[in-house]
Amino acid sequence: MTDPTSDPASGPGPSSGTPRWVKVLGVLLLVLVVLIAVLHATGNSPGGPGDHLGLAAGVSGHDEPAAVPW
């Protein structure tokens, strides 16, 4: 007797395993999570709480007058 899964008249057999797009999406998400973790660990993470406080001008958050060379 022949294997029923190899019979061309029976059509495609049931698919087994995880689809390729799910694997690719999982790998991309894993790479993204690792990248964010590395950036966070090195202190370079985007979107930290200090980004919205306007601390780029100085520690006090106010613009200091420029030093005038006399």
N, C-alpha and C. Protein backbone atom coordinates (compact mmCIF):
# COMPACT_ATOMS: atom_id res chain seq x y z
N MET A 1 0.83 -1.18 0.00
CA MET A 1 0.00 0.00 0.00
C MET A 1 0.88 1.24 0.00
N THR A 2 0.35 2.29 -0.59
CA THR A 2 1.11 3.53 -0.65
C THR A 2 0.74 4.43 0.51
N ASP A 3 1.61 5.38 0.74
CA ASP A 3 1.37 6.35 1.82
C ASP A 3 0.26 7.31 1.38
N PRO A 4 -0.81 7.48 2.17
CA PRO A 4 -1.91 8.34 1.74
C PRO A 4 -1.52 9.81 1.66
N THR A 5 -0.49 10.23 2.36
CA THR A 5 -0.09 11.63 2.30
C THR A 5 0.68 11.95 1.03
N SER A 6 1.19 10.90 0.32
CA SER A 6 1.93 11.15 -0.90
C SER A 6 1.06 11.04 -2.14
N ASP A 7 -0.20 10.75 -1.98
CA ASP A 7 -1.11 10.62 -3.12
C ASP A 7 -1.47 12.00 -3.65
N PRO A 8 -1.14 12.31 -4.91
CA PRO A 8 -1.43 13.64 -5.45
C PRO A 8 -2.92 13.93 -5.56
N ALA A 9 -3.75 12.90 -5.64
CA ALA A 9 -5.19 13.12 -5.77
C ALA A 9 -5.81 13.60 -4.47
N SER A 10 -5.14 13.34 -3.35
CA SER A 10 -5.73 13.73 -2.06
C SER A 10 -5.51 15.20 -1.74
N GLY A 11 -4.73 15.91 -2.55
CA GLY A 11 -4.50 17.33 -2.33
C GLY A 11 -3.38 17.55 -1.34
N PRO A 12 -3.13 18.80 -1.01
CA PRO A 12 -2.05 19.09 -0.07
C PRO A 12 -2.38 18.58 1.32
N GLY A 13 -1.38 18.07 1.97
CA GLY A 13 -1.57 17.56 3.31
C GLY A 13 -1.68 18.69 4.31
N PRO A 14 -2.03 18.35 5.52
CA PRO A 14 -2.13 19.40 6.54
C PRO A 14 -0.76 20.03 6.80
N SER A 15 -0.76 21.35 6.90
CA SER A 15 0.51 22.02 7.15
C SER A 15 0.91 21.81 8.59
N SER A 16 2.17 21.57 8.78
CA SER A 16 2.66 21.36 10.14
C SER A 16 3.71 22.40 10.45
N GLY A 17 3.81 22.75 11.70
CA GLY A 17 4.81 23.72 12.10
C GLY A 17 4.29 25.15 12.05
N THR A 18 5.17 26.05 12.41
CA THR A 18 4.83 27.47 12.47
C THR A 18 5.06 28.12 11.10
N PRO A 19 4.13 28.97 10.67
CA PRO A 19 4.32 29.65 9.38
C PRO A 19 5.57 30.53 9.40
N ARG A 20 6.14 30.75 8.22
CA ARG A 20 7.37 31.52 8.10
C ARG A 20 7.19 32.95 8.58
N TRP A 21 6.03 33.57 8.30
CA TRP A 21 5.85 34.97 8.68
C TRP A 21 5.81 35.13 10.20
N VAL A 22 5.34 34.10 10.90
CA VAL A 22 5.33 34.16 12.37
C VAL A 22 6.75 34.08 12.91
N LYS A 23 7.56 33.24 12.30
CA LYS A 23 8.96 33.12 12.73
C LYS A 23 9.72 34.42 12.47
N VAL A 24 9.51 35.01 11.29
CA VAL A 24 10.20 36.26 10.94
C VAL A 24 9.77 37.37 11.88
N LEU A 25 8.48 37.47 12.16
CA LEU A 25 7.99 38.49 13.07
C LEU A 25 8.56 38.29 14.48
N GLY A 26 8.64 37.05 14.92
CA GLY A 26 9.21 36.76 16.23
C GLY A 26 10.67 37.16 16.33
N VAL A 27 11.44 36.88 15.27
CA VAL A 27 12.86 37.25 15.26
C VAL A 27 13.00 38.77 15.28
N LEU A 28 12.20 39.47 14.47
CA LEU A 28 12.27 40.94 14.45
C LEU A 28 11.91 41.55 15.80
N LEU A 29 10.89 41.02 16.44
CA LEU A 29 10.51 41.53 17.76
C LEU A 29 11.60 41.25 18.80
N LEU A 30 12.22 40.09 18.70
CA LEU A 30 13.30 39.75 19.63
C LEU A 30 14.49 40.69 19.43
N VAL A 31 14.84 40.98 18.18
CA VAL A 31 15.93 41.91 17.89
C VAL A 31 15.60 43.30 18.43
N LEU A 32 14.35 43.73 18.26
CA LEU A 32 13.93 45.05 18.75
C LEU A 32 14.01 45.13 20.27
N VAL A 33 13.58 44.10 20.95
CA VAL A 33 13.63 44.09 22.42
C VAL A 33 15.07 44.10 22.90
N VAL A 34 15.94 43.33 22.25
CA VAL A 34 17.36 43.32 22.65
C VAL A 34 17.99 44.68 22.40
N LEU A 35 17.66 45.32 21.28
CA LEU A 35 18.20 46.64 20.97
C LEU A 35 17.76 47.66 22.00
N ILE A 36 16.50 47.65 22.37
CA ILE A 36 16.00 48.59 23.38
C ILE A 36 16.66 48.32 24.73
N ALA A 37 16.86 47.05 25.07
CA ALA A 37 17.51 46.73 26.34
C ALA A 37 18.96 47.21 26.36
N VAL A 38 19.66 47.05 25.25
CA VAL A 38 21.06 47.51 25.18
C VAL A 38 21.11 49.03 25.27
N LEU A 39 20.23 49.72 24.56
CA LEU A 39 20.21 51.18 24.62
C LEU A 39 19.87 51.67 26.02
N HIS A 40 18.95 51.00 26.66
CA HIS A 40 18.57 51.39 28.02
C HIS A 40 19.73 51.16 29.00
N ALA A 41 20.42 50.05 28.84
CA ALA A 41 21.52 49.72 29.73
C ALA A 41 22.69 50.69 29.56
N THR A 42 22.88 51.22 28.36
CA THR A 42 23.98 52.14 28.12
C THR A 42 23.58 53.60 28.37
N GLY A 43 22.32 53.84 28.70
CA GLY A 43 21.87 55.20 28.98
C GLY A 43 21.52 56.00 27.75
N ASN A 44 21.39 55.35 26.61
CA ASN A 44 21.09 56.03 25.35
C ASN A 44 19.68 55.77 24.87
N SER A 45 18.80 55.35 25.76
CA SER A 45 17.45 54.99 25.31
C SER A 45 16.66 56.22 24.90
N PRO A 46 15.99 56.14 23.76
CA PRO A 46 15.15 57.27 23.33
C PRO A 46 13.85 57.31 24.12
N GLY A 47 13.32 58.49 24.28
CA GLY A 47 12.03 58.63 24.95
C GLY A 47 12.08 58.52 26.45
N GLY A 48 13.19 58.88 27.06
CA GLY A 48 13.28 58.84 28.51
C GLY A 48 12.50 59.98 29.12
N PRO A 49 12.31 59.95 30.42
CA PRO A 49 11.52 61.00 31.07
C PRO A 49 12.16 62.38 30.96
N GLY A 50 13.46 62.47 30.80
CA GLY A 50 14.11 63.77 30.69
C GLY A 50 13.90 64.45 29.35
N ASP A 51 13.41 63.69 28.36
CA ASP A 51 13.20 64.28 27.03
C ASP A 51 12.09 65.32 27.03
N HIS A 52 11.17 65.23 27.95
CA HIS A 52 10.02 66.13 27.95
C HIS A 52 10.17 67.27 28.94
N LEU A 53 11.26 67.32 29.66
CA LEU A 53 11.43 68.34 30.69
C LEU A 53 12.20 69.56 30.19
N GLY A 54 12.74 69.51 29.00
CA GLY A 54 13.48 70.63 28.47
C GLY A 54 14.79 70.87 29.18
N LEU A 55 15.47 69.82 29.55
CA LEU A 55 16.72 69.95 30.29
C LEU A 55 17.93 70.15 29.38
N ALA A 56 17.72 70.28 28.11
CA ALA A 56 18.84 70.45 27.20
C ALA A 56 19.51 71.81 27.38
N ALA A 57 18.78 72.83 27.86
CA ALA A 57 19.35 74.16 28.02
C ALA A 57 20.25 74.25 29.24
N GLY A 58 20.03 73.43 30.20
CA GLY A 58 20.84 73.46 31.41
C GLY A 58 20.18 72.65 32.50
N VAL A 59 20.83 72.57 33.63
CA VAL A 59 20.30 71.77 34.72
C VAL A 59 19.03 72.38 35.28
N SER A 60 18.96 73.71 35.34
CA SER A 60 17.79 74.35 35.92
C SER A 60 16.61 74.37 34.96
N GLY A 61 16.85 74.12 33.68
CA GLY A 61 15.78 74.16 32.71
C GLY A 61 15.56 75.55 32.15
N HIS A 62 16.31 76.55 32.62
CA HIS A 62 16.18 77.91 32.12
C HIS A 62 17.39 78.26 31.28
N ASP A 63 17.18 79.10 30.30
CA ASP A 63 18.30 79.53 29.48
C ASP A 63 19.17 80.51 30.28
N GLU A 64 20.43 80.21 30.32
CA GLU A 64 21.37 81.10 30.99
C GLU A 64 21.84 82.15 29.99
N PRO A 65 22.05 83.37 30.44
CA PRO A 65 22.56 84.39 29.51
C PRO A 65 23.97 84.03 29.05
N ALA A 66 24.24 84.33 27.81
CA ALA A 66 25.55 84.03 27.25
C ALA A 66 26.61 84.90 27.93
N ALA A 67 27.79 84.34 28.11
CA ALA A 67 28.88 85.09 28.72
C ALA A 67 29.36 86.13 27.71
N VAL A 68 29.50 87.35 28.20
CA VAL A 68 29.95 88.46 27.33
C VAL A 68 31.45 88.64 27.51
N PRO A 69 32.23 88.40 26.46
CA PRO A 69 33.68 88.58 26.60
C PRO A 69 34.04 90.09 26.64
N TRP A 70 34.62 90.57 27.74
CA TRP A 70 34.98 92.01 27.88
C TRP A 70 36.40 92.19 27.59
